[in-house]
Amino acid sequence: MRNPVSTVLSRARTVRWSRLFGLAFGTVMIAALAGCGGGDKAEVSGKVTLGDKPVAGFVTFITADGKEFTAPTDAEGKYLLVDVPIGPVKVGVKGAPGGAGGLAAPPAPKGAPEMPKEMTAGVGSGVPPPAKYAAPASSGLAYEVKAGKQTFDIPLK
């Protein structure tokens, strides 16, 4: 027969180690989840204008690792990009295919949040951008994206 005191002490040590392990595991999981919480992503919005007129077309951000994020402009030249990684981006503004006429936005990538209706309704209803802004690599437009929401207005000349 086992000594009741040693049995109680053995159980107490097991419980203590289980709690310690659980606490350590929980701390690691919380830290891991915090890292996945979107702190390294941003929501960028703004308005694209040529002079004082809204621009019709699409805004494209290209990250340093070559990922591309594109959004249409609305009737007021406004755009919205979500889940953009933080860091430097090169920016391009391309006219809507076929010019003005309220073209529909391209389909969003699978799993992407749906854009508000007002952001897609007027694509093509402004002035076209100059062709020199079409390619992000040579447009001369660049920004530093930081975590969270921010506004980058894009005045074209």
N, C-alpha and C. Protein backbone atom coordinates (compact mmCIF):
# COMPACT_ATOMS: atom_id res chain seq x y z
N MET A 1 0.83 -1.17 0.00
CA MET A 1 0.00 0.00 0.00
C MET A 1 0.89 1.25 0.00
N ARG A 2 0.47 2.23 -0.82
CA ARG A 2 1.24 3.48 -0.93
C ARG A 2 0.97 4.38 0.25
N ASN A 3 1.97 5.13 0.55
CA ASN A 3 1.84 6.11 1.62
C ASN A 3 0.91 7.22 1.14
N PRO A 4 -0.18 7.54 1.87
CA PRO A 4 -1.13 8.57 1.44
C PRO A 4 -0.48 9.94 1.30
N VAL A 5 0.51 10.24 2.11
CA VAL A 5 1.17 11.54 2.03
C VAL A 5 1.95 11.66 0.72
N SER A 6 2.67 10.61 0.33
CA SER A 6 3.43 10.66 -0.91
C SER A 6 2.50 10.72 -2.11
N THR A 7 1.35 10.09 -2.05
CA THR A 7 0.38 10.14 -3.13
C THR A 7 -0.13 11.57 -3.31
N VAL A 8 -0.45 12.23 -2.21
CA VAL A 8 -0.94 13.61 -2.26
C VAL A 8 0.15 14.52 -2.81
N LEU A 9 1.39 14.36 -2.36
CA LEU A 9 2.49 15.20 -2.85
C LEU A 9 2.74 14.96 -4.34
N SER A 10 2.66 13.71 -4.76
CA SER A 10 2.87 13.39 -6.16
C SER A 10 1.80 14.04 -7.03
N ARG A 11 0.56 13.98 -6.60
CA ARG A 11 -0.54 14.61 -7.33
C ARG A 11 -0.36 16.13 -7.36
N ALA A 12 0.07 16.71 -6.26
CA ALA A 12 0.27 18.16 -6.19
C ALA A 12 1.35 18.60 -7.19
N ARG A 13 2.44 17.82 -7.29
CA ARG A 13 3.50 18.15 -8.25
C ARG A 13 2.97 18.03 -9.68
N THR A 14 2.17 17.01 -9.95
CA THR A 14 1.61 16.82 -11.28
C THR A 14 0.69 17.98 -11.64
N VAL A 15 -0.15 18.38 -10.71
CA VAL A 15 -1.06 19.49 -10.94
C VAL A 15 -0.26 20.78 -11.16
N ARG A 16 0.77 20.99 -10.36
CA ARG A 16 1.60 22.19 -10.48
C ARG A 16 2.26 22.24 -11.87
N TRP A 17 2.85 21.11 -12.31
CA TRP A 17 3.48 21.08 -13.63
C TRP A 17 2.46 21.23 -14.75
N SER A 18 1.28 20.65 -14.56
CA SER A 18 0.23 20.79 -15.58
C SER A 18 -0.20 22.24 -15.71
N ARG A 19 -0.36 22.91 -14.58
CA ARG A 19 -0.75 24.33 -14.62
C ARG A 19 0.35 25.18 -15.25
N LEU A 20 1.60 24.89 -14.88
CA LEU A 20 2.71 25.63 -15.44
C LEU A 20 2.79 25.44 -16.96
N PHE A 21 2.64 24.18 -17.40
CA PHE A 21 2.67 23.89 -18.82
C PHE A 21 1.50 24.59 -19.52
N GLY A 22 0.32 24.51 -18.92
CA GLY A 22 -0.87 25.16 -19.50
C GLY A 22 -0.69 26.66 -19.62
N LEU A 23 -0.11 27.28 -18.60
CA LEU A 23 0.14 28.71 -18.62
C LEU A 23 1.14 29.07 -19.72
N ALA A 24 2.22 28.30 -19.81
CA ALA A 24 3.23 28.55 -20.84
C ALA A 24 2.64 28.36 -22.23
N PHE A 25 1.89 27.29 -22.44
CA PHE A 25 1.26 27.02 -23.73
C PHE A 25 0.29 28.13 -24.09
N GLY A 26 -0.51 28.55 -23.12
CA GLY A 26 -1.48 29.63 -23.35
C GLY A 26 -0.80 30.93 -23.74
N THR A 27 0.31 31.24 -23.08
CA THR A 27 1.05 32.47 -23.39
C THR A 27 1.60 32.42 -24.81
N VAL A 28 2.15 31.29 -25.19
CA VAL A 28 2.68 31.13 -26.55
C VAL A 28 1.55 31.27 -27.57
N MET A 29 0.41 30.68 -27.32
CA MET A 29 -0.72 30.76 -28.25
C MET A 29 -1.23 32.19 -28.38
N ILE A 30 -1.32 32.90 -27.28
CA ILE A 30 -1.78 34.29 -27.34
C ILE A 30 -0.80 35.13 -28.16
N ALA A 31 0.48 34.92 -27.94
CA ALA A 31 1.48 35.66 -28.71
C ALA A 31 1.39 35.32 -30.19
N ALA A 32 1.17 34.05 -30.50
CA ALA A 32 1.06 33.64 -31.91
C ALA A 32 -0.18 34.25 -32.55
N LEU A 33 -1.28 34.24 -31.84
CA LEU A 33 -2.51 34.80 -32.39
C LEU A 33 -2.40 36.31 -32.55
N ALA A 34 -1.73 36.96 -31.64
CA ALA A 34 -1.54 38.40 -31.76
C ALA A 34 -0.75 38.72 -33.02
N GLY A 35 0.21 37.87 -33.36
CA GLY A 35 0.99 38.06 -34.57
C GLY A 35 0.18 37.88 -35.82
N CYS A 36 -0.91 37.12 -35.76
CA CYS A 36 -1.76 36.88 -36.92
C CYS A 36 -2.92 37.85 -36.97
N GLY A 37 -2.96 38.82 -36.11
CA GLY A 37 -4.10 39.70 -35.99
C GLY A 37 -4.14 40.81 -37.00
N GLY A 38 -3.30 40.81 -38.00
CA GLY A 38 -3.37 41.83 -39.02
C GLY A 38 -2.51 43.05 -38.71
N GLY A 39 -1.68 42.99 -37.68
CA GLY A 39 -0.83 44.11 -37.35
C GLY A 39 0.15 44.44 -38.46
N ASP A 40 0.38 43.52 -39.36
CA ASP A 40 1.30 43.76 -40.47
C ASP A 40 0.56 44.06 -41.76
N LYS A 41 -0.72 44.42 -41.64
CA LYS A 41 -1.54 44.74 -42.81
C LYS A 41 -2.15 46.13 -42.63
N ALA A 42 -2.57 46.71 -43.72
CA ALA A 42 -3.13 48.05 -43.67
C ALA A 42 -4.35 48.17 -44.58
N GLU A 43 -5.14 49.17 -44.30
CA GLU A 43 -6.25 49.57 -45.17
C GLU A 43 -5.90 50.96 -45.68
N VAL A 44 -5.82 51.09 -47.00
CA VAL A 44 -5.42 52.35 -47.61
C VAL A 44 -6.56 52.86 -48.48
N SER A 45 -6.88 54.13 -48.29
CA SER A 45 -7.89 54.76 -49.13
C SER A 45 -7.35 56.12 -49.57
N GLY A 46 -8.05 56.71 -50.49
CA GLY A 46 -7.64 58.03 -50.96
C GLY A 46 -8.45 58.46 -52.16
N LYS A 47 -8.02 59.53 -52.76
CA LYS A 47 -8.73 60.09 -53.91
C LYS A 47 -7.69 60.39 -54.99
N VAL A 48 -8.01 59.96 -56.22
CA VAL A 48 -7.13 60.21 -57.36
C VAL A 48 -7.75 61.34 -58.18
N THR A 49 -6.95 62.37 -58.40
CA THR A 49 -7.45 63.52 -59.15
C THR A 49 -6.44 63.94 -60.22
N LEU A 50 -6.96 64.56 -61.26
CA LEU A 50 -6.15 65.19 -62.29
C LEU A 50 -6.63 66.63 -62.34
N GLY A 51 -5.81 67.53 -61.83
CA GLY A 51 -6.28 68.89 -61.61
C GLY A 51 -7.29 68.85 -60.48
N ASP A 52 -8.49 69.33 -60.75
CA ASP A 52 -9.54 69.26 -59.74
C ASP A 52 -10.62 68.23 -60.10
N LYS A 53 -10.33 67.37 -61.09
CA LYS A 53 -11.32 66.39 -61.55
C LYS A 53 -10.97 64.99 -61.07
N PRO A 54 -11.98 64.19 -60.72
CA PRO A 54 -11.72 62.80 -60.31
C PRO A 54 -11.25 61.96 -61.49
N VAL A 55 -10.39 61.00 -61.19
CA VAL A 55 -9.84 60.12 -62.22
C VAL A 55 -10.61 58.81 -62.27
N ALA A 56 -10.92 58.36 -63.47
CA ALA A 56 -11.60 57.09 -63.68
C ALA A 56 -10.55 56.02 -63.97
N GLY A 57 -10.63 54.93 -63.25
CA GLY A 57 -9.69 53.85 -63.54
C GLY A 57 -9.42 52.97 -62.35
N PHE A 58 -8.18 52.51 -62.27
CA PHE A 58 -7.77 51.57 -61.23
C PHE A 58 -6.45 52.00 -60.63
N VAL A 59 -6.36 51.87 -59.31
CA VAL A 59 -5.13 52.17 -58.57
C VAL A 59 -4.47 50.84 -58.25
N THR A 60 -3.17 50.73 -58.51
CA THR A 60 -2.43 49.50 -58.22
C THR A 60 -1.25 49.81 -57.32
N PHE A 61 -1.15 49.06 -56.22
CA PHE A 61 0.01 49.12 -55.34
C PHE A 61 0.82 47.85 -55.58
N ILE A 62 2.13 47.98 -55.73
CA ILE A 62 3.01 46.82 -55.83
C ILE A 62 4.00 46.89 -54.68
N THR A 63 4.03 45.82 -53.88
CA THR A 63 4.90 45.76 -52.72
C THR A 63 6.33 45.44 -53.14
N ALA A 64 7.25 45.56 -52.20
CA ALA A 64 8.66 45.29 -52.47
C ALA A 64 8.89 43.85 -52.95
N ASP A 65 8.02 42.91 -52.49
CA ASP A 65 8.18 41.52 -52.93
C ASP A 65 7.35 41.20 -54.17
N GLY A 66 6.79 42.22 -54.83
CA GLY A 66 6.10 42.03 -56.10
C GLY A 66 4.62 41.71 -56.03
N LYS A 67 4.03 41.71 -54.83
CA LYS A 67 2.58 41.45 -54.74
C LYS A 67 1.82 42.69 -55.20
N GLU A 68 0.72 42.42 -55.91
CA GLU A 68 -0.05 43.49 -56.51
C GLU A 68 -1.42 43.61 -55.85
N PHE A 69 -1.83 44.85 -55.55
CA PHE A 69 -3.13 45.13 -54.96
C PHE A 69 -3.78 46.21 -55.81
N THR A 70 -4.97 45.91 -56.36
CA THR A 70 -5.64 46.82 -57.28
C THR A 70 -7.06 47.11 -56.81
N ALA A 71 -7.47 48.36 -56.97
CA ALA A 71 -8.84 48.77 -56.63
C ALA A 71 -9.33 49.78 -57.66
N PRO A 72 -10.62 49.76 -57.95
CA PRO A 72 -11.18 50.75 -58.87
C PRO A 72 -11.40 52.09 -58.15
N THR A 73 -11.48 53.14 -58.94
CA THR A 73 -11.89 54.43 -58.38
C THR A 73 -13.39 54.55 -58.56
N ASP A 74 -14.04 55.31 -57.67
CA ASP A 74 -15.48 55.53 -57.81
C ASP A 74 -15.71 56.82 -58.59
N ALA A 75 -16.96 57.28 -58.64
CA ALA A 75 -17.32 58.47 -59.41
C ALA A 75 -16.60 59.72 -58.91
N GLU A 76 -16.13 59.71 -57.65
CA GLU A 76 -15.42 60.86 -57.08
C GLU A 76 -13.90 60.67 -57.11
N GLY A 77 -13.43 59.58 -57.72
CA GLY A 77 -12.00 59.30 -57.78
C GLY A 77 -11.47 58.60 -56.55
N LYS A 78 -12.35 58.17 -55.66
CA LYS A 78 -11.92 57.50 -54.42
C LYS A 78 -11.65 56.02 -54.66
N TYR A 79 -10.68 55.48 -53.90
CA TYR A 79 -10.34 54.07 -53.97
C TYR A 79 -10.17 53.52 -52.56
N LEU A 80 -10.19 52.19 -52.44
CA LEU A 80 -10.01 51.52 -51.16
C LEU A 80 -9.28 50.21 -51.39
N LEU A 81 -8.14 50.04 -50.71
CA LEU A 81 -7.37 48.80 -50.75
C LEU A 81 -7.31 48.24 -49.34
N VAL A 82 -7.58 46.94 -49.19
CA VAL A 82 -7.53 46.31 -47.87
C VAL A 82 -6.47 45.22 -47.85
N ASP A 83 -5.99 44.93 -46.65
CA ASP A 83 -4.99 43.88 -46.41
C ASP A 83 -3.70 44.10 -47.19
N VAL A 84 -3.29 45.36 -47.32
CA VAL A 84 -2.03 45.68 -47.97
C VAL A 84 -0.92 45.48 -46.95
N PRO A 85 0.12 44.73 -47.28
CA PRO A 85 1.23 44.57 -46.34
C PRO A 85 1.94 45.90 -46.07
N ILE A 86 2.43 46.07 -44.85
CA ILE A 86 3.15 47.30 -44.54
C ILE A 86 4.50 47.30 -45.24
N GLY A 87 4.99 48.49 -45.52
CA GLY A 87 6.26 48.63 -46.21
C GLY A 87 6.12 49.52 -47.43
N PRO A 88 7.19 49.67 -48.18
CA PRO A 88 7.16 50.55 -49.34
C PRO A 88 6.34 49.94 -50.48
N VAL A 89 5.63 50.81 -51.19
CA VAL A 89 4.86 50.37 -52.37
C VAL A 89 5.11 51.35 -53.51
N LYS A 90 5.09 50.81 -54.70
CA LYS A 90 5.07 51.64 -55.90
C LYS A 90 3.64 51.67 -56.37
N VAL A 91 3.22 52.81 -56.90
CA VAL A 91 1.80 53.01 -57.23
C VAL A 91 1.64 53.34 -58.71
N GLY A 92 0.62 52.74 -59.30
CA GLY A 92 0.26 53.05 -60.67
C GLY A 92 -1.22 53.39 -60.75
N VAL A 93 -1.58 54.21 -61.71
CA VAL A 93 -2.99 54.55 -61.95
C VAL A 93 -3.24 54.34 -63.43
N LYS A 94 -4.10 53.38 -63.71
CA LYS A 94 -4.40 53.01 -65.09
C LYS A 94 -5.85 53.38 -65.38
N GLY A 95 -6.10 53.87 -66.58
CA GLY A 95 -7.45 54.22 -66.97
C GLY A 95 -8.34 53.00 -67.11
N ALA A 96 -9.63 53.23 -66.97
CA ALA A 96 -10.60 52.14 -67.15
C ALA A 96 -10.60 51.72 -68.60
N PRO A 97 -10.63 50.41 -68.87
CA PRO A 97 -10.66 49.95 -70.25
C PRO A 97 -11.84 50.55 -71.00
N GLY A 98 -11.59 51.08 -72.18
CA GLY A 98 -12.68 51.65 -72.97
C GLY A 98 -13.04 53.06 -72.57
N GLY A 99 -12.31 53.65 -71.61
CA GLY A 99 -12.58 55.03 -71.19
C GLY A 99 -13.78 55.12 -70.28
N ALA A 100 -14.44 56.27 -70.29
CA ALA A 100 -15.58 56.51 -69.40
C ALA A 100 -16.75 55.63 -69.77
N GLY A 101 -17.66 55.48 -68.83
CA GLY A 101 -18.85 54.70 -69.13
C GLY A 101 -19.30 53.83 -67.99
N GLY A 102 -18.77 54.01 -66.81
CA GLY A 102 -19.27 53.28 -65.66
C GLY A 102 -19.00 51.79 -65.73
N LEU A 103 -17.79 51.39 -66.11
CA LEU A 103 -17.46 49.97 -66.21
C LEU A 103 -17.48 49.31 -64.84
N ALA A 104 -17.79 48.06 -64.82
CA ALA A 104 -17.78 47.32 -63.56
C ALA A 104 -16.36 47.03 -63.13
N ALA A 105 -16.18 46.92 -61.83
CA ALA A 105 -14.86 46.61 -61.27
C ALA A 105 -14.52 45.15 -61.58
N PRO A 106 -13.22 44.84 -61.64
CA PRO A 106 -12.85 43.44 -61.85
C PRO A 106 -13.26 42.62 -60.63
N PRO A 107 -13.47 41.32 -60.81
CA PRO A 107 -13.89 40.52 -59.67
C PRO A 107 -12.82 40.51 -58.59
N ALA A 108 -13.27 40.54 -57.33
CA ALA A 108 -12.34 40.52 -56.20
C ALA A 108 -11.73 39.13 -56.08
N PRO A 109 -10.50 39.04 -55.55
CA PRO A 109 -9.90 37.72 -55.33
C PRO A 109 -10.75 36.90 -54.37
N LYS A 110 -10.70 35.59 -54.51
CA LYS A 110 -11.48 34.70 -53.67
C LYS A 110 -11.14 34.94 -52.20
N GLY A 111 -12.17 35.12 -51.38
CA GLY A 111 -11.98 35.33 -49.95
C GLY A 111 -11.77 36.78 -49.56
N ALA A 112 -11.64 37.69 -50.54
CA ALA A 112 -11.44 39.10 -50.23
C ALA A 112 -12.76 39.71 -49.77
N PRO A 113 -12.71 40.71 -48.90
CA PRO A 113 -13.95 41.35 -48.48
C PRO A 113 -14.60 42.06 -49.65
N GLU A 114 -15.90 42.12 -49.63
CA GLU A 114 -16.64 42.76 -50.71
C GLU A 114 -16.51 44.27 -50.56
N MET A 115 -16.27 44.96 -51.68
CA MET A 115 -16.15 46.41 -51.63
C MET A 115 -17.53 47.03 -51.51
N PRO A 116 -17.63 48.16 -50.79
CA PRO A 116 -18.91 48.85 -50.72
C PRO A 116 -19.39 49.22 -52.12
N LYS A 117 -20.70 49.18 -52.32
CA LYS A 117 -21.28 49.45 -53.63
C LYS A 117 -20.85 50.81 -54.17
N GLU A 118 -20.78 51.81 -53.28
CA GLU A 118 -20.41 53.15 -53.75
C GLU A 118 -18.97 53.21 -54.26
N MET A 119 -18.13 52.23 -53.90
CA MET A 119 -16.75 52.21 -54.37
C MET A 119 -16.63 51.59 -55.75
N THR A 120 -17.64 50.86 -56.22
CA THR A 120 -17.53 50.20 -57.52
C THR A 120 -18.51 50.74 -58.55
N ALA A 121 -19.46 51.54 -58.12
CA ALA A 121 -20.53 51.95 -59.02
C ALA A 121 -20.07 52.88 -60.13
N GLY A 122 -19.06 53.73 -59.88
CA GLY A 122 -18.75 54.75 -60.86
C GLY A 122 -17.46 54.55 -61.61
N VAL A 123 -16.91 53.35 -61.64
CA VAL A 123 -15.64 53.16 -62.34
C VAL A 123 -15.79 53.63 -63.78
N GLY A 124 -14.92 54.50 -64.19
CA GLY A 124 -14.98 54.99 -65.56
C GLY A 124 -15.74 56.28 -65.71
N SER A 125 -16.25 56.88 -64.62
CA SER A 125 -17.07 58.08 -64.77
C SER A 125 -16.28 59.37 -64.56
N GLY A 126 -14.97 59.31 -64.44
CA GLY A 126 -14.14 60.50 -64.31
C GLY A 126 -13.28 60.68 -65.54
N VAL A 127 -12.23 61.49 -65.41
CA VAL A 127 -11.31 61.70 -66.52
C VAL A 127 -10.26 60.60 -66.52
N PRO A 128 -9.73 60.26 -67.68
CA PRO A 128 -8.69 59.22 -67.73
C PRO A 128 -7.36 59.78 -67.22
N PRO A 129 -6.55 58.94 -66.59
CA PRO A 129 -5.24 59.40 -66.11
C PRO A 129 -4.25 59.45 -67.28
N PRO A 130 -3.23 60.29 -67.17
CA PRO A 130 -2.18 60.27 -68.19
C PRO A 130 -1.50 58.90 -68.24
N ALA A 131 -1.13 58.47 -69.40
CA ALA A 131 -0.55 57.14 -69.60
C ALA A 131 0.73 56.93 -68.80
N LYS A 132 1.47 57.99 -68.49
CA LYS A 132 2.74 57.85 -67.77
C LYS A 132 2.58 57.29 -66.36
N TYR A 133 1.36 57.27 -65.81
CA TYR A 133 1.12 56.75 -64.47
C TYR A 133 0.68 55.28 -64.47
N ALA A 134 0.52 54.68 -65.63
CA ALA A 134 -0.03 53.32 -65.71
C ALA A 134 0.85 52.25 -65.08
N ALA A 135 2.15 52.33 -65.27
CA ALA A 135 3.06 51.31 -64.75
C ALA A 135 3.62 51.74 -63.39
N PRO A 136 3.33 51.00 -62.33
CA PRO A 136 3.82 51.38 -61.01
C PRO A 136 5.35 51.54 -60.94
N ALA A 137 6.07 50.72 -61.68
CA ALA A 137 7.53 50.77 -61.62
C ALA A 137 8.10 52.07 -62.17
N SER A 138 7.38 52.72 -63.10
CA SER A 138 7.91 53.93 -63.73
C SER A 138 7.04 55.17 -63.53
N SER A 139 5.99 55.06 -62.72
CA SER A 139 5.07 56.19 -62.54
C SER A 139 5.66 57.32 -61.71
N GLY A 140 6.64 57.00 -60.87
CA GLY A 140 7.18 58.00 -59.96
C GLY A 140 6.37 58.16 -58.68
N LEU A 141 5.33 57.36 -58.54
CA LEU A 141 4.48 57.41 -57.34
C LEU A 141 4.90 56.30 -56.39
N ALA A 142 5.17 56.66 -55.14
CA ALA A 142 5.57 55.66 -54.15
C ALA A 142 5.12 56.15 -52.76
N TYR A 143 4.78 55.21 -51.91
CA TYR A 143 4.36 55.51 -50.55
C TYR A 143 4.94 54.48 -49.60
N GLU A 144 4.92 54.81 -48.32
CA GLU A 144 5.31 53.89 -47.26
C GLU A 144 4.03 53.54 -46.51
N VAL A 145 3.58 52.29 -46.64
CA VAL A 145 2.36 51.85 -45.98
C VAL A 145 2.70 51.45 -44.55
N LYS A 146 1.92 51.97 -43.61
CA LYS A 146 2.08 51.64 -42.20
C LYS A 146 0.86 50.84 -41.75
N ALA A 147 0.96 50.15 -40.63
CA ALA A 147 -0.15 49.34 -40.13
C ALA A 147 -1.35 50.23 -39.81
N GLY A 148 -2.54 49.68 -40.01
CA GLY A 148 -3.77 50.41 -39.70
C GLY A 148 -4.36 51.09 -40.92
N LYS A 149 -5.29 52.02 -40.66
CA LYS A 149 -5.96 52.75 -41.74
C LYS A 149 -5.18 54.03 -42.04
N GLN A 150 -5.07 54.34 -43.32
CA GLN A 150 -4.42 55.57 -43.73
C GLN A 150 -4.96 56.05 -45.07
N THR A 151 -4.69 57.32 -45.36
CA THR A 151 -5.18 57.92 -46.59
C THR A 151 -4.00 58.40 -47.42
N PHE A 152 -3.98 57.98 -48.69
CA PHE A 152 -2.99 58.46 -49.65
C PHE A 152 -3.77 59.04 -50.82
N ASP A 153 -3.91 60.36 -50.85
CA ASP A 153 -4.50 61.00 -52.01
C ASP A 153 -3.44 61.03 -53.10
N ILE A 154 -3.88 60.86 -54.35
CA ILE A 154 -2.95 60.78 -55.47
C ILE A 154 -3.30 61.89 -56.49
N PRO A 155 -2.64 63.04 -56.36
CA PRO A 155 -2.89 64.10 -57.33
C PRO A 155 -1.98 63.91 -58.56
N LEU A 156 -2.58 63.74 -59.71
CA LEU A 156 -1.82 63.55 -60.95
C LEU A 156 -1.69 64.88 -61.68
N LYS A 157 -0.64 64.96 -62.51
CA LYS A 157 -0.40 66.21 -63.27
C LYS A 157 -0.39 65.92 -64.74
